[in-house]
């Protein structure tokens, strides 16, 4: 199981980075956060990239990073919430690893992002409406490529990782 890539997808603030770090630690494999990698390569924050290059410029950078990272072996990768917007990203993730969709109720996501100024898409007068629109747009795309779907709202990170490991082992032995 250690050579298999595990790609975490889902809306912003669902816990992809937190769960991914813990999962990678338990598996003894590298963890990578695609948003952090984009920032590292650009030498700038994602909010700055959005301001200067727009969402399409950010998505171009994201596509390149996803292509590079998904070609590695044996990593846990936390992706940005909008990674599924481009078909090429969905195909690369689906073809190159086990895709785990982390899901959480919108109210929980809203509470987690309420005071976060580092999420460019939520800098609006009505962040709930934005999250609802993102959910409606992205949920079918997550479902299209997800091998597993896990609810993150009901348990601790350690409990969630334990549950996820059981599901991954079951998926590996049946697939």
N, C-alpha and C. Protein backbone atom coordinates (compact mmCIF):
# COMPACT_ATOMS: atom_id res chain seq x y z
N UNK A 1 0.82 -1.20 0.00
CA UNK A 1 0.00 0.00 0.00
C UNK A 1 0.86 1.26 0.00
N UNK A 2 2.11 1.16 0.42
CA UNK A 2 2.93 2.35 0.56
C UNK A 2 3.30 3.00 -0.77
N UNK A 3 3.30 2.25 -1.88
CA UNK A 3 3.65 2.84 -3.17
C UNK A 3 2.45 3.49 -3.85
N UNK A 4 1.27 3.29 -3.30
CA UNK A 4 0.06 3.86 -3.89
C UNK A 4 -0.08 5.33 -3.49
N UNK A 5 -0.42 6.16 -4.46
CA UNK A 5 -0.73 7.56 -4.16
C UNK A 5 -2.12 7.65 -3.59
N UNK A 6 -2.29 8.56 -2.63
CA UNK A 6 -3.61 8.86 -2.08
C UNK A 6 -3.83 10.35 -2.27
N UNK A 7 -4.87 10.68 -3.03
CA UNK A 7 -5.18 12.07 -3.34
C UNK A 7 -6.45 12.47 -2.61
N UNK A 8 -6.36 13.52 -1.81
CA UNK A 8 -7.51 14.02 -1.05
C UNK A 8 -8.14 15.19 -1.79
N UNK A 9 -9.44 15.07 -2.04
CA UNK A 9 -10.19 16.13 -2.71
C UNK A 9 -11.36 16.54 -1.83
N UNK A 10 -11.90 17.72 -2.08
CA UNK A 10 -13.06 18.21 -1.34
C UNK A 10 -13.02 19.73 -1.26
N UNK A 11 -14.12 20.29 -0.77
CA UNK A 11 -14.22 21.74 -0.66
C UNK A 11 -13.17 22.31 0.30
N UNK A 12 -12.93 23.59 0.20
CA UNK A 12 -12.01 24.27 1.11
C UNK A 12 -12.46 24.07 2.55
N UNK A 13 -11.49 23.95 3.44
CA UNK A 13 -11.72 23.86 4.89
C UNK A 13 -12.32 22.54 5.34
N UNK A 14 -12.35 21.54 4.47
CA UNK A 14 -12.94 20.25 4.84
C UNK A 14 -11.95 19.41 5.66
N UNK A 15 -10.67 19.79 5.63
CA UNK A 15 -9.67 19.08 6.43
C UNK A 15 -8.67 18.28 5.62
N UNK A 16 -8.54 18.58 4.34
CA UNK A 16 -7.64 17.79 3.48
C UNK A 16 -6.19 17.85 3.96
N UNK A 17 -5.69 19.02 4.30
CA UNK A 17 -4.30 19.15 4.74
C UNK A 17 -4.09 18.51 6.11
N UNK A 18 -5.00 18.75 7.03
CA UNK A 18 -4.87 18.18 8.38
C UNK A 18 -4.92 16.66 8.33
N UNK A 19 -5.91 16.12 7.66
CA UNK A 19 -6.04 14.67 7.53
C UNK A 19 -4.87 14.11 6.74
N UNK A 20 -4.49 14.80 5.68
CA UNK A 20 -3.39 14.32 4.83
C UNK A 20 -2.07 14.22 5.58
N UNK A 21 -1.75 15.24 6.37
CA UNK A 21 -0.51 15.20 7.16
C UNK A 21 -0.50 14.00 8.11
N UNK A 22 -1.62 13.81 8.81
CA UNK A 22 -1.70 12.72 9.78
C UNK A 22 -1.66 11.35 9.08
N UNK A 23 -2.39 11.22 7.97
CA UNK A 23 -2.41 9.98 7.20
C UNK A 23 -1.01 9.63 6.70
N UNK A 24 -0.31 10.61 6.15
CA UNK A 24 1.04 10.38 5.64
C UNK A 24 1.97 9.97 6.78
N UNK A 25 1.82 10.58 7.93
CA UNK A 25 2.63 10.24 9.09
C UNK A 25 2.41 8.78 9.49
N UNK A 26 1.16 8.37 9.55
CA UNK A 26 0.81 6.99 9.92
C UNK A 26 1.34 6.01 8.87
N UNK A 27 1.24 6.36 7.61
CA UNK A 27 1.69 5.48 6.53
C UNK A 27 3.21 5.53 6.33
N UNK A 28 3.85 6.54 6.90
CA UNK A 28 5.29 6.70 6.72
C UNK A 28 5.67 7.09 5.31
N UNK A 29 4.85 7.95 4.71
CA UNK A 29 5.14 8.40 3.35
C UNK A 29 5.08 9.93 3.29
N UNK A 30 5.58 10.50 2.20
CA UNK A 30 5.59 11.96 2.08
C UNK A 30 4.19 12.54 1.96
N UNK A 31 4.00 13.73 2.54
CA UNK A 31 2.77 14.50 2.40
C UNK A 31 3.09 15.74 1.59
N UNK A 32 2.20 16.07 0.65
CA UNK A 32 2.34 17.29 -0.13
C UNK A 32 0.98 17.98 -0.21
N UNK A 33 0.99 19.28 -0.04
CA UNK A 33 -0.20 20.10 -0.19
C UNK A 33 -0.03 20.89 -1.49
N UNK A 34 -0.92 20.68 -2.45
CA UNK A 34 -0.73 21.31 -3.76
C UNK A 34 -0.76 22.84 -3.67
N UNK A 35 -1.60 23.40 -2.79
CA UNK A 35 -1.63 24.86 -2.66
C UNK A 35 -0.30 25.39 -2.11
N UNK A 36 0.26 24.69 -1.13
CA UNK A 36 1.57 25.11 -0.60
C UNK A 36 2.65 25.01 -1.66
N UNK A 37 2.57 23.97 -2.51
CA UNK A 37 3.55 23.81 -3.59
C UNK A 37 3.41 24.93 -4.63
N UNK A 38 2.18 25.31 -4.93
CA UNK A 38 1.95 26.42 -5.86
C UNK A 38 2.57 27.70 -5.30
N UNK A 39 2.33 27.96 -4.02
CA UNK A 39 2.90 29.16 -3.38
C UNK A 39 4.43 29.11 -3.38
N UNK A 40 4.98 27.94 -3.09
CA UNK A 40 6.44 27.79 -3.05
C UNK A 40 7.04 28.09 -4.43
N UNK A 41 6.45 27.51 -5.46
CA UNK A 41 6.97 27.72 -6.82
C UNK A 41 6.79 29.16 -7.29
N UNK A 42 5.68 29.77 -6.92
CA UNK A 42 5.41 31.14 -7.37
C UNK A 42 6.15 32.17 -6.52
N UNK A 43 6.53 31.77 -5.31
CA UNK A 43 7.14 32.73 -4.39
C UNK A 43 6.13 33.76 -3.93
N UNK A 44 4.85 33.38 -3.92
CA UNK A 44 3.78 34.32 -3.56
C UNK A 44 2.58 33.55 -3.01
N UNK A 45 1.77 34.24 -2.24
CA UNK A 45 0.56 33.65 -1.68
C UNK A 45 -0.50 33.46 -2.77
N UNK A 46 -1.36 32.49 -2.56
CA UNK A 46 -2.43 32.23 -3.52
C UNK A 46 -3.31 33.46 -3.70
N UNK A 47 -3.58 34.18 -2.62
CA UNK A 47 -4.41 35.40 -2.74
C UNK A 47 -3.75 36.40 -3.69
N UNK A 48 -2.42 36.51 -3.65
CA UNK A 48 -1.71 37.41 -4.54
C UNK A 48 -1.82 36.91 -5.99
N UNK A 49 -1.67 35.60 -6.18
CA UNK A 49 -1.78 35.02 -7.54
C UNK A 49 -3.16 35.33 -8.11
N UNK A 50 -4.22 35.15 -7.29
CA UNK A 50 -5.58 35.46 -7.74
C UNK A 50 -5.70 36.93 -8.11
N UNK A 51 -5.13 37.82 -7.28
CA UNK A 51 -5.22 39.27 -7.53
C UNK A 51 -4.52 39.65 -8.83
N UNK A 52 -3.35 39.09 -9.06
CA UNK A 52 -2.53 39.50 -10.20
C UNK A 52 -2.86 38.73 -11.48
N UNK A 53 -3.07 37.41 -11.36
CA UNK A 53 -3.25 36.58 -12.54
C UNK A 53 -4.69 36.13 -12.75
N UNK A 54 -5.53 36.39 -11.77
CA UNK A 54 -6.91 35.93 -11.86
C UNK A 54 -7.02 34.45 -11.56
N UNK A 55 -8.26 33.97 -11.50
CA UNK A 55 -8.45 32.55 -11.21
C UNK A 55 -7.86 31.67 -12.31
N UNK A 56 -7.95 32.10 -13.57
CA UNK A 56 -7.43 31.26 -14.65
C UNK A 56 -5.91 31.11 -14.56
N UNK A 57 -5.22 32.16 -14.16
CA UNK A 57 -3.77 32.07 -13.97
C UNK A 57 -3.42 31.10 -12.85
N UNK A 58 -4.19 31.19 -11.77
CA UNK A 58 -3.99 30.25 -10.66
C UNK A 58 -4.25 28.82 -11.13
N UNK A 59 -5.34 28.60 -11.87
CA UNK A 59 -5.69 27.25 -12.33
C UNK A 59 -4.61 26.69 -13.27
N UNK A 60 -3.98 27.56 -14.07
CA UNK A 60 -2.88 27.11 -14.93
C UNK A 60 -1.73 26.59 -14.08
N UNK A 61 -1.39 27.34 -13.04
CA UNK A 61 -0.31 26.92 -12.13
C UNK A 61 -0.69 25.61 -11.43
N UNK A 62 -1.94 25.53 -11.00
CA UNK A 62 -2.42 24.35 -10.30
C UNK A 62 -2.34 23.11 -11.20
N UNK A 63 -2.72 23.27 -12.45
CA UNK A 63 -2.70 22.15 -13.40
C UNK A 63 -1.28 21.59 -13.54
N UNK A 64 -0.30 22.47 -13.64
CA UNK A 64 1.10 22.03 -13.77
C UNK A 64 1.56 21.31 -12.51
N UNK A 65 1.21 21.86 -11.35
CA UNK A 65 1.61 21.24 -10.08
C UNK A 65 0.95 19.87 -9.91
N UNK A 66 -0.33 19.76 -10.26
CA UNK A 66 -1.02 18.47 -10.15
C UNK A 66 -0.39 17.44 -11.08
N UNK A 67 -0.04 17.86 -12.28
CA UNK A 67 0.63 16.93 -13.20
C UNK A 67 1.94 16.45 -12.60
N UNK A 68 2.74 17.36 -12.09
CA UNK A 68 4.04 17.00 -11.51
C UNK A 68 3.87 16.10 -10.28
N UNK A 69 3.05 16.52 -9.34
CA UNK A 69 2.93 15.80 -8.07
C UNK A 69 2.27 14.43 -8.24
N UNK A 70 1.28 14.35 -9.13
CA UNK A 70 0.56 13.08 -9.28
C UNK A 70 1.41 12.01 -9.97
N UNK A 71 2.54 12.41 -10.54
CA UNK A 71 3.45 11.44 -11.14
C UNK A 71 4.41 10.81 -10.13
N UNK A 72 4.46 11.37 -8.93
CA UNK A 72 5.29 10.77 -7.88
C UNK A 72 4.67 9.46 -7.45
N UNK A 73 5.40 8.71 -6.66
CA UNK A 73 4.87 7.43 -6.16
C UNK A 73 4.86 7.43 -4.64
N UNK A 74 3.77 6.93 -4.08
CA UNK A 74 3.69 6.74 -2.64
C UNK A 74 3.53 8.01 -1.83
N UNK A 75 2.78 8.97 -2.34
CA UNK A 75 2.55 10.21 -1.59
C UNK A 75 1.09 10.33 -1.17
N UNK A 76 0.88 11.15 -0.16
CA UNK A 76 -0.45 11.62 0.19
C UNK A 76 -0.49 13.08 -0.26
N UNK A 77 -1.45 13.41 -1.10
CA UNK A 77 -1.56 14.74 -1.68
C UNK A 77 -2.89 15.38 -1.30
N UNK A 78 -2.82 16.53 -0.63
CA UNK A 78 -4.01 17.33 -0.38
C UNK A 78 -4.12 18.35 -1.50
N UNK A 79 -5.24 18.32 -2.21
CA UNK A 79 -5.43 19.22 -3.35
C UNK A 79 -6.24 20.43 -2.94
N UNK A 80 -6.20 21.45 -3.77
CA UNK A 80 -7.07 22.60 -3.56
C UNK A 80 -8.50 22.24 -3.91
N UNK A 81 -9.45 22.95 -3.33
CA UNK A 81 -10.86 22.62 -3.52
C UNK A 81 -11.34 22.67 -4.96
N UNK A 82 -10.71 23.52 -5.77
CA UNK A 82 -11.14 23.67 -7.16
C UNK A 82 -10.37 22.84 -8.16
N UNK A 83 -9.53 21.94 -7.68
CA UNK A 83 -8.70 21.13 -8.58
C UNK A 83 -9.55 20.37 -9.60
N UNK A 84 -10.77 20.01 -9.21
CA UNK A 84 -11.63 19.19 -10.08
C UNK A 84 -12.28 19.99 -11.21
N UNK A 85 -12.11 21.29 -11.22
CA UNK A 85 -12.75 22.11 -12.25
C UNK A 85 -12.21 21.83 -13.65
N UNK A 86 -10.99 21.39 -13.73
CA UNK A 86 -10.40 21.06 -15.03
C UNK A 86 -10.40 19.55 -15.22
N UNK A 87 -10.95 19.13 -16.34
CA UNK A 87 -11.04 17.72 -16.66
C UNK A 87 -9.67 17.05 -16.63
N UNK A 88 -8.64 17.73 -17.12
CA UNK A 88 -7.30 17.14 -17.16
C UNK A 88 -6.83 16.80 -15.75
N UNK A 89 -7.13 17.64 -14.77
CA UNK A 89 -6.77 17.34 -13.38
C UNK A 89 -7.54 16.13 -12.86
N UNK A 90 -8.83 16.08 -13.16
CA UNK A 90 -9.64 14.94 -12.70
C UNK A 90 -9.09 13.64 -13.27
N UNK A 91 -8.75 13.65 -14.56
CA UNK A 91 -8.23 12.44 -15.19
C UNK A 91 -6.89 12.02 -14.56
N UNK A 92 -6.01 12.98 -14.36
CA UNK A 92 -4.69 12.65 -13.79
C UNK A 92 -4.84 12.08 -12.39
N UNK A 93 -5.67 12.67 -11.58
CA UNK A 93 -5.87 12.16 -10.22
C UNK A 93 -6.48 10.76 -10.25
N UNK A 94 -7.52 10.60 -11.05
CA UNK A 94 -8.21 9.30 -11.11
C UNK A 94 -7.29 8.20 -11.64
N UNK A 95 -6.43 8.55 -12.58
CA UNK A 95 -5.57 7.55 -13.21
C UNK A 95 -4.31 7.23 -12.41
N UNK A 96 -3.93 8.13 -11.51
CA UNK A 96 -2.62 7.99 -10.87
C UNK A 96 -2.66 7.69 -9.37
N UNK A 97 -3.83 7.44 -8.82
CA UNK A 97 -3.88 7.13 -7.40
C UNK A 97 -5.29 6.87 -6.91
N UNK A 98 -5.38 6.63 -5.62
CA UNK A 98 -6.66 6.44 -4.95
C UNK A 98 -7.19 7.82 -4.56
N UNK A 99 -8.39 8.15 -5.02
CA UNK A 99 -8.95 9.47 -4.77
C UNK A 99 -9.96 9.38 -3.64
N UNK A 100 -9.71 10.16 -2.59
CA UNK A 100 -10.57 10.18 -1.41
C UNK A 100 -11.24 11.54 -1.31
N UNK A 101 -12.57 11.52 -1.37
CA UNK A 101 -13.35 12.75 -1.26
C UNK A 101 -13.71 12.97 0.21
N UNK A 102 -13.15 14.01 0.80
CA UNK A 102 -13.52 14.40 2.16
C UNK A 102 -14.69 15.36 2.06
N UNK A 103 -15.70 15.10 2.87
CA UNK A 103 -16.95 15.85 2.80
C UNK A 103 -17.34 16.34 4.19
N UNK A 104 -17.97 17.51 4.25
CA UNK A 104 -18.42 18.07 5.52
C UNK A 104 -19.64 18.94 5.25
N UNK A 105 -20.55 19.06 6.22
CA UNK A 105 -21.72 19.92 6.02
C UNK A 105 -21.31 21.38 5.78
N UNK A 106 -22.10 22.07 4.98
CA UNK A 106 -21.78 23.47 4.65
C UNK A 106 -21.69 24.36 5.89
N UNK A 107 -22.54 24.14 6.87
CA UNK A 107 -22.48 24.98 8.08
C UNK A 107 -21.13 24.85 8.77
N UNK A 108 -20.59 23.65 8.79
CA UNK A 108 -19.27 23.44 9.41
C UNK A 108 -18.19 24.15 8.61
N UNK A 109 -18.25 24.06 7.29
CA UNK A 109 -17.26 24.74 6.44
C UNK A 109 -17.35 26.25 6.60
N UNK A 110 -18.56 26.75 6.69
CA UNK A 110 -18.76 28.19 6.87
C UNK A 110 -18.16 28.64 8.20
N UNK A 111 -18.39 27.88 9.25
CA UNK A 111 -17.83 28.21 10.57
C UNK A 111 -16.30 28.19 10.54
N UNK A 112 -15.74 27.21 9.82
CA UNK A 112 -14.27 27.08 9.77
C UNK A 112 -13.62 28.19 8.94
N UNK A 113 -14.35 28.77 8.00
CA UNK A 113 -13.75 29.78 7.11
C UNK A 113 -14.18 31.20 7.46
N UNK A 114 -15.01 31.35 8.47
CA UNK A 114 -15.63 32.65 8.78
C UNK A 114 -14.62 33.80 8.88
N UNK A 115 -13.50 33.58 9.55
CA UNK A 115 -12.53 34.65 9.75
C UNK A 115 -11.26 34.47 8.94
N UNK A 116 -11.30 33.62 7.94
CA UNK A 116 -10.13 33.32 7.14
C UNK A 116 -10.04 34.29 5.96
N UNK A 117 -9.04 35.12 5.96
CA UNK A 117 -8.86 36.11 4.88
C UNK A 117 -7.97 35.58 3.76
N UNK A 118 -7.53 34.33 3.86
CA UNK A 118 -6.64 33.76 2.86
C UNK A 118 -7.36 32.88 1.84
N UNK A 119 -8.67 33.04 1.75
CA UNK A 119 -9.45 32.26 0.78
C UNK A 119 -10.10 33.25 -0.19
N UNK A 120 -9.44 33.49 -1.33
CA UNK A 120 -9.91 34.53 -2.24
C UNK A 120 -11.36 34.37 -2.69
N UNK A 121 -11.81 33.14 -2.88
CA UNK A 121 -13.17 32.94 -3.38
C UNK A 121 -14.24 33.32 -2.35
N UNK A 122 -13.86 33.39 -1.08
CA UNK A 122 -14.84 33.71 -0.03
C UNK A 122 -14.84 35.18 0.36
N UNK A 123 -14.03 35.98 -0.30
CA UNK A 123 -14.01 37.40 0.02
C UNK A 123 -15.19 38.09 -0.65
N UNK A 124 -16.37 37.86 -0.08
CA UNK A 124 -17.59 38.41 -0.66
C UNK A 124 -18.52 38.83 0.46
N UNK A 125 -19.61 39.51 0.10
CA UNK A 125 -20.59 39.94 1.09
C UNK A 125 -21.42 38.77 1.61
N UNK A 126 -21.45 37.68 0.84
CA UNK A 126 -22.27 36.55 1.24
C UNK A 126 -21.48 35.23 1.05
N UNK A 127 -20.56 34.94 2.00
CA UNK A 127 -19.75 33.73 1.86
C UNK A 127 -20.59 32.44 1.85
N UNK A 128 -21.74 32.43 2.54
CA UNK A 128 -22.59 31.24 2.53
C UNK A 128 -23.06 30.94 1.11
N UNK A 129 -23.50 31.98 0.41
CA UNK A 129 -23.96 31.80 -0.97
C UNK A 129 -22.82 31.28 -1.85
N UNK A 130 -21.62 31.83 -1.65
CA UNK A 130 -20.47 31.38 -2.42
C UNK A 130 -20.20 29.90 -2.16
N UNK A 131 -20.20 29.50 -0.88
CA UNK A 131 -19.97 28.10 -0.54
C UNK A 131 -21.05 27.19 -1.12
N UNK A 132 -22.29 27.65 -1.07
CA UNK A 132 -23.39 26.87 -1.65
C UNK A 132 -23.20 26.68 -3.15
N UNK A 133 -22.76 27.74 -3.84
CA UNK A 133 -22.52 27.65 -5.28
C UNK A 133 -21.34 26.73 -5.58
N UNK A 134 -20.26 26.85 -4.78
CA UNK A 134 -19.10 25.98 -4.97
C UNK A 134 -19.50 24.52 -4.75
N UNK A 135 -20.30 24.27 -3.72
CA UNK A 135 -20.77 22.93 -3.42
C UNK A 135 -21.57 22.37 -4.60
N UNK A 136 -22.52 23.15 -5.10
CA UNK A 136 -23.36 22.69 -6.21
C UNK A 136 -22.53 22.41 -7.46
N UNK A 137 -21.54 23.24 -7.71
CA UNK A 137 -20.70 23.08 -8.90
C UNK A 137 -19.72 21.92 -8.76
N UNK A 138 -19.12 21.77 -7.59
CA UNK A 138 -18.00 20.85 -7.44
C UNK A 138 -18.37 19.45 -6.96
N UNK A 139 -19.42 19.31 -6.17
CA UNK A 139 -19.76 17.99 -5.63
C UNK A 139 -19.90 16.91 -6.71
N UNK A 140 -20.58 17.19 -7.83
CA UNK A 140 -20.66 16.16 -8.88
C UNK A 140 -19.29 15.81 -9.47
N UNK A 141 -18.38 16.77 -9.49
CA UNK A 141 -17.04 16.53 -10.03
C UNK A 141 -16.21 15.69 -9.06
N UNK A 142 -16.37 15.97 -7.77
CA UNK A 142 -15.71 15.13 -6.76
C UNK A 142 -16.22 13.69 -6.89
N UNK A 143 -17.53 13.56 -6.96
CA UNK A 143 -18.15 12.23 -7.03
C UNK A 143 -17.70 11.45 -8.27
N UNK A 144 -17.46 12.18 -9.36
CA UNK A 144 -17.06 11.55 -10.63
C UNK A 144 -15.77 10.74 -10.48
N UNK A 145 -14.84 11.23 -9.67
CA UNK A 145 -13.52 10.57 -9.62
C UNK A 145 -13.21 9.91 -8.27
N UNK A 146 -14.07 10.10 -7.28
CA UNK A 146 -13.77 9.58 -5.93
C UNK A 146 -13.88 8.07 -5.86
N UNK A 147 -12.83 7.45 -5.31
CA UNK A 147 -12.87 6.02 -5.01
C UNK A 147 -13.55 5.81 -3.65
N UNK A 148 -13.36 6.77 -2.76
CA UNK A 148 -13.94 6.72 -1.41
C UNK A 148 -14.48 8.10 -1.05
N UNK A 149 -15.55 8.13 -0.26
CA UNK A 149 -16.08 9.39 0.25
C UNK A 149 -16.19 9.26 1.77
N UNK A 150 -15.59 10.21 2.47
CA UNK A 150 -15.53 10.16 3.93
C UNK A 150 -16.09 11.46 4.50
N UNK A 151 -16.98 11.36 5.48
CA UNK A 151 -17.51 12.52 6.19
C UNK A 151 -16.51 12.91 7.27
N UNK A 152 -16.11 14.17 7.30
CA UNK A 152 -15.07 14.60 8.25
C UNK A 152 -15.63 15.23 9.52
N UNK A 153 -16.89 15.52 9.57
CA UNK A 153 -17.43 16.32 10.67
C UNK A 153 -17.66 15.55 11.96
N UNK A 154 -17.68 14.23 11.93
CA UNK A 154 -18.17 13.48 13.09
C UNK A 154 -17.09 12.90 14.00
N UNK A 155 -15.82 13.05 13.69
CA UNK A 155 -14.82 12.42 14.52
C UNK A 155 -13.53 13.21 14.55
N UNK A 156 -12.65 12.84 15.49
CA UNK A 156 -11.35 13.48 15.61
C UNK A 156 -10.50 13.14 14.39
N UNK A 157 -9.40 13.86 14.23
CA UNK A 157 -8.49 13.59 13.11
C UNK A 157 -7.96 12.16 13.21
N UNK A 158 -7.55 11.74 14.40
CA UNK A 158 -7.04 10.37 14.56
C UNK A 158 -8.11 9.33 14.26
N UNK A 159 -9.34 9.57 14.72
CA UNK A 159 -10.44 8.66 14.42
C UNK A 159 -10.73 8.61 12.94
N UNK A 160 -10.70 9.77 12.31
CA UNK A 160 -10.94 9.87 10.88
C UNK A 160 -9.87 9.12 10.09
N UNK A 161 -8.61 9.30 10.47
CA UNK A 161 -7.51 8.63 9.77
C UNK A 161 -7.62 7.11 9.96
N UNK A 162 -7.96 6.68 11.15
CA UNK A 162 -8.14 5.26 11.41
C UNK A 162 -9.26 4.67 10.53
N UNK A 163 -10.37 5.38 10.46
CA UNK A 163 -11.50 4.97 9.61
C UNK A 163 -11.07 4.94 8.14
N UNK A 164 -10.35 5.96 7.73
CA UNK A 164 -9.89 6.06 6.35
C UNK A 164 -8.93 4.91 6.01
N UNK A 165 -8.03 4.58 6.91
CA UNK A 165 -7.09 3.48 6.67
C UNK A 165 -7.83 2.16 6.47
N UNK A 166 -8.87 1.92 7.26
CA UNK A 166 -9.67 0.70 7.09
C UNK A 166 -10.33 0.68 5.71
N UNK A 167 -10.88 1.81 5.30
CA UNK A 167 -11.52 1.90 3.98
C UNK A 167 -10.51 1.70 2.85
N UNK A 168 -9.32 2.28 3.02
CA UNK A 168 -8.28 2.15 2.00
C UNK A 168 -7.85 0.68 1.88
N UNK A 169 -7.65 0.03 3.00
CA UNK A 169 -7.26 -1.39 2.98
C UNK A 169 -8.35 -2.24 2.33
N UNK A 170 -9.61 -1.96 2.66
CA UNK A 170 -10.72 -2.70 2.06
C UNK A 170 -10.78 -2.45 0.55
N UNK A 171 -10.56 -1.20 0.15
CA UNK A 171 -10.56 -0.83 -1.28
C UNK A 171 -9.42 -1.54 -2.01
N UNK A 172 -8.25 -1.57 -1.38
CA UNK A 172 -7.07 -2.20 -2.00
C UNK A 172 -7.26 -3.70 -2.17
N UNK A 173 -7.88 -4.34 -1.19
CA UNK A 173 -8.04 -5.78 -1.28
C UNK A 173 -9.18 -6.20 -2.22
N UNK A 174 -10.14 -5.29 -2.43
CA UNK A 174 -11.25 -5.62 -3.34
C UNK A 174 -10.98 -5.18 -4.76
N UNK A 175 -10.08 -4.20 -4.93
CA UNK A 175 -9.87 -3.65 -6.25
C UNK A 175 -8.68 -4.22 -6.91
